[in-house]
Structure formats: C-alpha cells, structure tokens
Protein backbone atom coordinates (compact mmCIF):
# COMPACT_ATOMS: atom_id res chain seq x y z
CA MET A 1 -2.05 -35.15 -24.08
CA ARG A 2 -5.47 -33.44 -24.02
CA ASN A 3 -8.47 -35.09 -22.36
CA ASP A 4 -12.09 -34.21 -23.04
CA LEU A 5 -15.40 -36.03 -23.51
CA GLY A 6 -14.56 -36.63 -27.15
CA ASN A 7 -11.44 -38.72 -26.49
CA LEU A 8 -11.92 -40.26 -23.04
CA ALA A 9 -12.68 -43.64 -24.60
CA LEU A 10 -9.41 -43.76 -26.57
CA SER A 11 -6.53 -45.92 -25.37
CA ARG A 12 -3.32 -44.07 -24.57
CA GLU A 13 0.16 -44.88 -23.33
CA ALA A 14 -0.05 -43.28 -19.89
CA GLU A 15 0.35 -44.32 -16.25
CA SER A 16 -1.62 -42.63 -13.49
CA ARG A 17 0.04 -41.44 -10.29
CA SER A 18 -1.19 -39.45 -7.30
CA LEU A 19 0.62 -37.58 -4.55
CA SER A 20 -0.89 -36.96 -1.13
CA ALA A 21 0.05 -37.15 2.53
CA GLU A 22 -0.88 -40.86 2.29
CA ASN A 23 1.57 -41.39 -0.60
CA PRO A 24 3.99 -38.45 -0.65
CA THR A 25 6.28 -39.97 -3.30
CA GLY A 26 3.51 -41.21 -5.61
CA GLU A 27 5.23 -44.57 -6.02
CA LYS A 28 3.28 -47.53 -7.29
CA ALA A 29 1.72 -49.59 -4.45
CA LYS A 30 3.13 -47.24 -1.78
CA GLY A 31 -0.09 -45.58 -0.56
CA ALA A 32 -1.63 -45.92 2.91
CA MET A 33 1.54 -47.43 4.40
CA GLU A 34 1.77 -45.22 7.49
CA ASP A 35 1.68 -47.16 10.77
CA PRO A 36 -0.46 -45.55 13.54
CA LYS A 37 1.80 -47.16 16.17
CA GLY A 38 -1.07 -47.36 18.59
CA GLU A 39 -1.85 -43.65 18.41
CA GLY A 40 -4.44 -41.39 16.76
CA PRO A 41 -7.93 -42.18 15.40
CA ALA A 42 -6.68 -45.29 13.55
CA ARG A 43 -4.97 -46.83 16.58
CA ASP A 44 -7.57 -49.61 16.84
CA LEU A 45 -7.66 -50.29 13.08
CA GLY A 46 -3.99 -50.26 12.21
CA GLN A 47 -2.12 -49.68 8.99
CA GLY A 48 -4.16 -48.71 5.91
CA TRP A 49 -6.93 -46.87 7.81
CA LYS A 50 -6.46 -43.14 7.18
CA VAL A 51 -3.41 -42.67 9.35
CA ARG A 52 -1.82 -39.64 7.61
CA PRO A 53 -4.43 -37.75 5.55
CA CYS A 54 -2.80 -34.33 5.93
CA ILE A 55 0.40 -32.55 6.95
CA THR A 56 1.33 -29.75 9.31
CA LEU A 57 3.39 -26.79 8.12
CA ALA A 58 5.56 -25.29 10.83
CA SER A 59 6.13 -21.54 10.89
CA GLY A 60 8.70 -20.65 8.24
CA GLU A 61 8.76 -24.21 6.86
CA THR A 62 8.91 -25.05 3.16
CA GLU A 63 7.40 -28.44 2.36
CA THR A 64 8.02 -30.24 -0.93
CA LEU A 65 4.78 -31.73 -2.23
CA MET A 66 6.17 -33.04 -5.52
CA ASP A 67 9.72 -33.93 -6.59
CA ASN A 68 9.23 -36.37 -9.44
CA GLU A 69 10.80 -37.30 -12.73
CA GLY A 70 9.07 -36.99 -16.10
CA PRO A 71 8.00 -36.96 -18.75
CA GLY A 72 4.47 -36.39 -17.54
CA VAL A 73 1.53 -34.05 -17.10
CA ILE A 74 -0.04 -32.75 -13.89
CA ARG A 75 -3.76 -33.14 -14.55
CA HIS A 76 -5.41 -31.94 -11.36
CA MET A 77 -4.54 -30.56 -7.95
CA TRP A 78 -6.91 -30.43 -4.95
CA ILE A 79 -5.95 -28.47 -1.84
CA THR A 80 -7.72 -27.30 1.30
CA PHE A 81 -6.42 -25.47 4.37
CA ASN A 82 -7.44 -22.77 6.85
CA ASN A 83 -8.61 -19.65 5.03
CA ALA A 84 -6.79 -17.42 7.54
CA HIS A 85 -3.57 -18.56 5.82
CA TYR A 86 -4.58 -17.95 2.19
CA ARG A 87 -1.99 -15.18 1.77
CA ASP A 88 0.60 -16.79 4.06
CA VAL A 89 1.18 -20.03 2.17
CA ILE A 90 3.30 -19.48 -0.94
CA ILE A 91 3.26 -22.03 -3.75
CA ARG A 92 6.23 -22.35 -6.09
CA ILE A 93 6.52 -24.78 -9.00
CA TYR A 94 9.74 -25.54 -10.86
CA TRP A 95 9.94 -27.28 -14.25
CA ASP A 96 12.75 -29.45 -15.60
CA GLY A 97 15.36 -28.52 -13.00
CA GLN A 98 15.09 -24.75 -13.43
CA ASP A 99 16.49 -22.73 -10.50
CA GLN A 100 13.73 -20.13 -10.77
CA PRO A 101 10.08 -21.03 -10.16
CA SER A 102 7.64 -20.79 -13.05
CA ILE A 103 4.76 -20.39 -10.59
CA GLN A 104 4.96 -18.12 -7.56
CA ALA A 105 1.89 -16.89 -5.70
CA PRO A 106 0.02 -16.97 -2.42
CA LEU A 107 -1.82 -20.27 -2.58
CA GLY A 108 -5.27 -18.80 -1.92
CA ASP A 109 -4.97 -16.22 -4.69
CA PHE A 110 -3.50 -18.84 -7.05
CA LEU A 111 -6.71 -20.83 -6.57
CA CYS A 112 -9.03 -17.80 -6.94
CA ASN A 113 -9.66 -17.31 -3.21
CA SER A 114 -8.60 -14.10 -1.49
CA TRP A 115 -9.38 -11.70 1.38
CA LYS A 116 -9.00 -14.61 3.86
CA GLU A 117 -12.52 -15.68 2.86
CA ARG A 118 -13.76 -18.82 1.12
CA GLN A 119 -15.45 -18.22 -2.21
CA ASN A 120 -17.11 -20.90 -4.34
CA ILE A 121 -15.81 -20.74 -7.93
CA LEU A 122 -17.71 -22.58 -10.67
CA ALA A 123 -15.09 -22.13 -13.38
CA ILE A 124 -13.71 -25.02 -15.42
CA PRO A 125 -9.93 -24.45 -15.04
CA ILE A 126 -10.20 -23.55 -11.33
CA ASN A 127 -13.13 -24.90 -9.34
CA VAL A 128 -13.70 -24.22 -5.62
CA ASN A 129 -16.46 -26.01 -3.73
CA PRO A 130 -17.92 -25.94 -0.19
CA SER A 131 -16.21 -25.63 2.09
CA GLY A 132 -12.87 -24.52 0.75
CA GLY A 133 -12.10 -27.45 -1.56
CA MET A 134 -9.84 -25.84 -4.19
CA ASN A 135 -9.21 -27.55 -7.53
CA ILE A 136 -7.10 -26.59 -10.54
CA TYR A 137 -7.34 -28.40 -13.87
CA PHE A 138 -4.89 -26.48 -16.07
CA PRO A 139 -2.70 -29.21 -17.64
CA MET A 140 0.94 -28.79 -16.64
CA PRO A 141 3.32 -30.81 -18.82
CA PHE A 142 6.93 -31.40 -17.83
CA ARG A 143 9.63 -33.26 -19.73
CA LYS A 144 12.30 -34.01 -17.16
CA HIS A 145 11.18 -33.08 -13.68
CA ALA A 146 8.46 -31.34 -11.64
CA LYS A 147 8.96 -29.81 -8.20
CA ILE A 148 6.19 -28.21 -6.11
CA THR A 149 6.83 -26.52 -2.77
CA VAL A 150 4.61 -24.68 -0.28
CA GLU A 151 6.06 -22.24 2.25
CA ASN A 152 4.29 -21.26 5.46
CA ASP A 153 5.44 -17.64 5.66
CA SER A 154 3.67 -16.84 8.91
CA PRO A 155 4.55 -16.93 12.62
CA ASN A 156 1.91 -19.59 13.22
CA GLU A 157 1.89 -23.34 12.69
CA LEU A 158 -0.59 -24.48 10.05
CA GLY A 159 -2.18 -27.85 10.74
CA GLY A 160 -4.66 -29.67 8.56
CA PHE A 161 -3.03 -28.97 5.19
CA PHE A 162 -4.63 -31.46 2.77
CA TYR A 163 -3.53 -31.97 -0.83
CA THR A 164 -3.80 -34.34 -3.78
CA ILE A 165 -1.78 -33.97 -6.98
CA ASN A 166 -2.90 -36.24 -9.83
CA TYR A 167 -0.54 -36.67 -12.76
CA THR A 168 0.26 -39.02 -15.60
CA LEU A 169 3.56 -40.44 -16.74
CA GLU A 170 3.56 -40.16 -20.52
CA ASP A 171 5.39 -38.64 -23.45
CA VAL A 172 5.05 -34.88 -23.86
CA ALA A 173 4.58 -33.37 -27.31
CA ASP A 174 7.48 -31.39 -28.74
CA ASP A 175 5.34 -28.25 -29.01
CA ALA A 176 3.97 -28.42 -25.43
CA LEU A 177 4.64 -25.27 -23.38
CA TYR A 178 5.14 -24.85 -19.63
CA PHE A 179 2.50 -23.44 -17.26
CA HIS A 180 3.36 -20.22 -15.43
CA ALA A 181 1.63 -17.99 -12.86
CA PHE A 182 2.67 -14.85 -11.00
CA TRP A 183 1.14 -12.71 -8.21
CA ARG A 184 1.49 -8.98 -7.72
CA ARG A 185 -0.08 -6.38 -5.39
CA SER A 186 -0.26 -2.57 -5.20
CA ASN A 187 -1.65 -1.26 -1.90
CA PRO A 188 -2.55 1.46 -2.52
CA LEU A 189 -2.14 1.97 -6.25
CA PRO A 190 -0.25 5.25 -6.71
CA TYR A 191 -2.41 8.10 -8.02
CA GLY A 192 -2.43 8.29 -11.80
CA GLU A 193 -0.67 4.96 -12.35
CA GLU A 194 -2.01 1.85 -14.05
CA PHE A 195 -1.88 -1.41 -12.11
CA LEU A 196 0.95 -3.50 -13.51
CA MET A 197 -0.23 -7.10 -13.64
CA VAL A 198 2.89 -8.53 -15.24
CA ASP A 199 5.92 -7.32 -17.18
CA GLY A 200 9.07 -8.83 -18.54
CA ILE A 201 7.60 -12.05 -19.91
CA LYS A 202 10.12 -13.19 -22.51
CA GLY A 203 9.64 -16.12 -24.85
CA ARG A 204 6.88 -17.60 -26.96
CA GLY A 205 3.55 -18.60 -25.53
CA GLN A 206 -0.05 -17.79 -24.76
CA TYR A 207 -1.79 -15.92 -21.97
CA VAL A 208 -4.64 -17.95 -20.47
CA GLY A 209 -6.07 -16.30 -17.37
CA THR A 210 -6.49 -13.46 -14.88
CA PHE A 211 -7.56 -13.43 -11.23
CA MET A 212 -7.91 -10.14 -9.34
CA ALA A 213 -8.63 -9.24 -5.72
CA TRP A 214 -9.84 -5.62 -5.58
CA GLN A 215 -10.65 -3.33 -2.64
CA GLN A 216 -12.21 0.02 -3.54
CA ASN A 217 -11.08 2.96 -1.44
CA ASN A 218 -13.52 5.53 -2.86
CA ALA A 219 -17.30 5.50 -3.02
CA GLY A 220 -19.03 5.06 -6.37
CA TRP A 221 -18.32 2.96 -9.44
CA TRP A 222 -14.72 1.78 -9.67
CA GLY A 223 -14.55 -0.20 -12.92
CA GLU A 224 -14.11 2.24 -15.82
CA GLY A 225 -10.49 1.21 -16.33
CA GLU A 226 -9.21 -0.63 -19.41
CA ILE A 227 -6.97 -3.66 -19.62
CA LYS A 228 -3.97 -3.29 -21.93
CA MET A 229 -1.87 -6.10 -23.40
CA PHE A 230 1.46 -5.11 -24.92
CA LEU A 231 2.61 -7.79 -27.34
CA ASP A 232 5.89 -8.49 -29.12
CA GLY A 233 7.65 -5.14 -28.87
CA ASP A 234 4.71 -2.80 -28.20
CA LYS A 235 5.99 0.31 -26.42
CA GLU A 236 3.70 3.25 -25.61
CA PHE A 237 0.50 1.81 -27.04
CA PRO A 238 -0.83 -1.77 -26.73
CA THR A 239 -2.08 -4.09 -29.42
CA ILE A 240 -5.02 -5.21 -27.24
CA CYS A 241 -7.02 -2.64 -25.26
CA GLY A 242 -10.28 -3.32 -23.42
CA THR A 243 -13.23 -1.00 -22.90
CA GLY A 244 -13.86 -1.34 -19.15
CA THR A 245 -13.01 -3.54 -16.18
CA GLU A 246 -16.37 -5.31 -16.02
CA ASP A 247 -16.31 -5.69 -19.81
CA TYR A 248 -13.05 -7.63 -19.68
CA PHE A 249 -14.47 -9.95 -17.01
CA GLY A 250 -17.53 -10.68 -19.14
CA GLY A 251 -20.06 -8.44 -17.39
CA ALA A 252 -21.61 -5.12 -18.39
CA TRP A 253 -23.02 -1.89 -16.96
CA GLY A 254 -21.36 -2.13 -13.56
CA PHE A 255 -22.09 -5.85 -12.99
CA GLY A 256 -25.09 -5.39 -10.72
CA ALA A 257 -24.90 -8.94 -9.34
CA ASP A 258 -22.39 -11.64 -8.46
CA PHE A 259 -21.81 -14.50 -10.88
CA SER A 260 -19.51 -17.48 -11.31
CA ALA A 261 -19.46 -18.95 -14.82
CA PRO A 262 -17.22 -21.50 -16.58
CA TYR A 263 -14.68 -18.89 -17.71
CA LEU A 264 -15.65 -15.58 -16.08
CA GLY A 265 -16.76 -14.41 -12.65
CA TYR A 266 -17.23 -11.56 -10.17
CA GLN A 267 -18.01 -11.69 -6.45
CA GLN A 268 -18.48 -9.11 -3.71
CA VAL A 269 -16.64 -10.78 -0.85
CA VAL A 270 -16.89 -8.09 1.84
CA GLY A 271 -19.30 -5.16 1.55
CA LYS A 272 -21.29 -3.98 -1.44
CA SER A 273 -19.84 -2.58 -4.67
CA ASP A 274 -19.76 1.23 -4.83
CA GLU A 275 -19.13 1.46 -1.07
CA VAL A 276 -15.78 2.43 0.45
CA GLY A 277 -13.89 -0.65 1.61
CA THR A 278 -15.74 -3.20 -0.51
CA ARG A 279 -13.59 -6.23 -1.35
CA MET A 280 -14.20 -8.11 -4.59
CA THR A 281 -12.72 -10.89 -6.69
CA LEU A 282 -12.81 -11.27 -10.46
CA TYR A 283 -11.57 -13.93 -12.87
CA ARG A 284 -11.35 -14.54 -16.59
CA PHE A 285 -9.89 -17.65 -18.20
CA HIS A 286 -8.84 -17.41 -21.86
CA VAL A 287 -9.50 -21.07 -22.66
CA HIS A 288 -11.21 -20.46 -26.00
CA ASP A 289 -9.46 -17.14 -26.70
CA PRO A 290 -5.79 -17.36 -25.59
CA VAL A 291 -3.66 -14.30 -26.22
CA TYR A 292 -0.64 -15.45 -28.24
CA PHE A 293 2.75 -13.76 -28.08
CA LYS A 294 5.97 -14.53 -29.93
CA THR A 295 8.66 -12.67 -28.00
CA ASP A 296 7.31 -10.73 -25.02
CA LEU A 297 4.22 -9.71 -23.04
CA LYS A 298 3.22 -6.95 -20.60
CA ILE A 299 -0.27 -6.43 -19.11
CA THR A 300 -1.73 -3.50 -17.18
CA MET A 301 -5.18 -2.66 -15.78
CA GLN A 302 -6.39 0.89 -15.21
CA ALA A 303 -8.33 1.71 -12.03
CA LEU A 304 -10.84 4.45 -12.83
CA GLY A 305 -13.86 5.85 -11.05
CA TRP A 306 -15.75 9.13 -11.35
CA ARG A 307 -15.24 12.59 -9.87
CA SER A 308 -17.36 15.73 -10.24
CA GLU A 309 -18.46 17.16 -13.60
CA GLY A 310 -18.31 13.75 -15.26
CA ARG A 311 -14.52 13.41 -15.07
CA TYR A 312 -12.56 10.21 -14.51
CA LEU A 313 -10.96 9.68 -11.08
CA PRO A 314 -7.71 7.67 -11.02
CA LEU A 315 -8.23 5.35 -8.07
CA GLN A 316 -5.81 4.44 -5.29
CA ASP A 317 -7.31 1.04 -4.52
CA ASP A 318 -5.79 -2.11 -3.03
CA ILE A 319 -5.38 -4.34 -6.09
CA SER A 320 -3.67 -7.68 -6.54
CA SER A 321 -3.65 -10.17 -9.39
CA VAL A 322 -2.55 -13.62 -10.44
CA VAL A 323 -1.82 -14.03 -14.13
CA TYR A 324 -1.63 -17.45 -15.82
CA TRP A 325 0.17 -18.30 -19.06
CA TYR A 326 2.09 -20.96 -20.97
CA GLN A 327 5.51 -20.32 -22.47
CA THR A 328 8.85 -21.77 -23.50
CA LEU A 329 11.74 -22.23 -21.07
CA PRO A 330 13.80 -20.63 -19.74
CA HIS A 331 11.66 -17.77 -18.50
CA SER A 332 12.66 -14.40 -17.04
CA PRO A 333 13.18 -14.63 -13.26
CA PHE A 334 10.37 -13.28 -11.11
CA GLU A 335 10.89 -10.50 -8.62
CA PRO A 336 11.04 -11.80 -5.02
CA MET A 337 7.77 -12.41 -3.20
CA PRO A 338 6.95 -9.32 -1.10
CA GLU A 339 7.43 -9.83 2.62
CA ARG A 340 4.45 -10.74 4.75
CA ASN A 341 3.54 -7.22 5.88
CA LEU A 342 3.15 -6.18 2.23
CA ARG A 343 0.88 -9.16 1.51
CA GLU A 344 -1.16 -9.06 4.69
CA ILE A 345 -4.91 -8.47 4.54
CA ILE A 346 -6.10 -6.29 7.42
C-alpha cells in the first residue's frame, strides 16, 4: 500500500481513479463529458474543453465529493477556495458505511490554513502552495466505502470551489487503520485550564499530527505550556509530557523566526509574537515518531506566559487545533461541530 522512492518502480495490482468537478463519479472514461450547450468560456470549443472545472456551494448546502466503493486508498487531495470561507466550509469523511464521520473539521484548519489567511506550508503530509493550493498526502485506506462531504455553513454562496481526489482501487492490508481528524476551539481558554485538544479516543491506533491556530491575548511570551498525552488508562498524570510549546513544535527559545519544514512549522500570520492580538499557526507531523496507543488517548496543551516576579501566567488565549490519527473502527462519536458564531474569526 505504501509508496515512496524506493518502491515506485515495482509493479502492483492497483487501478488509479480521480474525482473532480470534471469527473464527479471517478468512473473510467467519464471525465470531461460536460456539454457547454453554447454557454460559458468553452461555448466555441464544445465538449471536452474545461466546461466544469469547479462547483458552487450554496449557503447551507452539503455537497458530496466522494461516494465510492472500495477497497482502495485515497492517496492525495487538492483543494482551493476563497480564504474568507476557511472556517465556514466543514469537511466530513465517513469510512465503510459508518454513520459518524471519522474526520470533522473546518476545511481550512484541516489543511493547515487558518485566520482567513493563506499560508504556504512546506510539510510533506500537508503541502500548501501559492496561492492557496492545499494538498494532503496522508494515505487513507478504506475497505468497503468512502464518503466525503463539504458543508457551506455560511449565509453566503461560495463559488469557485475546486477539488481533486486521487485514489487507487486495490486490496487493503488486514492491519491497515483508518485516518481520523478532529477540530476543537476554546475562545477564550478559561483561566487556569489546559486546552483540551482531544479526548475520548477509544480503540487501537497511532497519533500522527497536530495543527494549532493560536491568538495571544496578553503581551509577552506565550509558549511555556507543555503538551500532555494520556495513553491507555492514564488518569491524573500523562505518560508523555513535553517541556514547552515551541519545543513540541520543533523550535527552541521562543522561536524567533517563522519556519516551515517537512514535519514541523510555525508562522506569525497576523502581528508579531509577544504582542497582544498576534495570530499564529503551528504544526507537527509524527511521521517518523507516531504515538501508539492500545485502548485510549487524550491530549492537552497548556497555555502559559509570564507574570511579575518570574511566575507563570495561565493564559486566556483563542486556541484551536486539528488532531490527526489512525485507529480501528468503530470510533467514539465526535461532539457536534460548534455553530458558526463559535467558529467565526473576527
């Protein structure tokens, strides 16, 4: 199932398929069939000449991008749309006929873009290029069925929604797990509480990534907090505990500069770190160091700055996260997506 430079030359029993507005079902020899009917930019050229490259999402509409039988593996997804809607469009992905989605997040945050701003991301699992071309390469195996929907949860129509979903039809290994992702926000984080990234994960699997969108609401350094991962029955104290926010995301000594690397990154999106109101994004992908769990997983991140006399200040920042992991099915149901006012960036 895995592809890399070491095995690209090997023959395999797989069939390639691709979903887009030009072939929404992905069927063999069914692409570019839309008829311009004498209208639009292709009216002089006719069928086969870029007649339907994108879709429009009406206000409140849920569009199904994928509804296909397996077994197979989603290999790559490319999406671009207006950055003003990054928090308004909700992606949900369902595996093997499950009623509950295994992926639920605002589409911008899911693809490491937040604050209604475009950010270039040079990571390997999620790669975002000028100007707003968002790519995800996490392999997503499914045995029976895959369903992907996007909901326009805004009062405005969204035109120019472009997408491509590349997948293969092939056997899936017995030990392959299912990709999951979940978004959460605290705005503001209550005083003295840790930010809860995810709780209630039940099953066997591995944790593979974190994306955070962080607005600091106090002046000064904001990243003294520690990440905590509670594994397999941990209660009061975690098995894995970090040493600082920037440490977990691969930096040191307060970052000092933006960076985007294959597995770790930090960007100041609006403002400058240490200033009130600065908005930042951070990511870490556990590709070479997954966190394995056998029965359950909970993850928190502290938000700590400094007050007088060298004492820690529990921060009340605007913090959101997307967490990415693989696990067995069925999974514990997610809490409902917060309504638009609770997601809105102002």
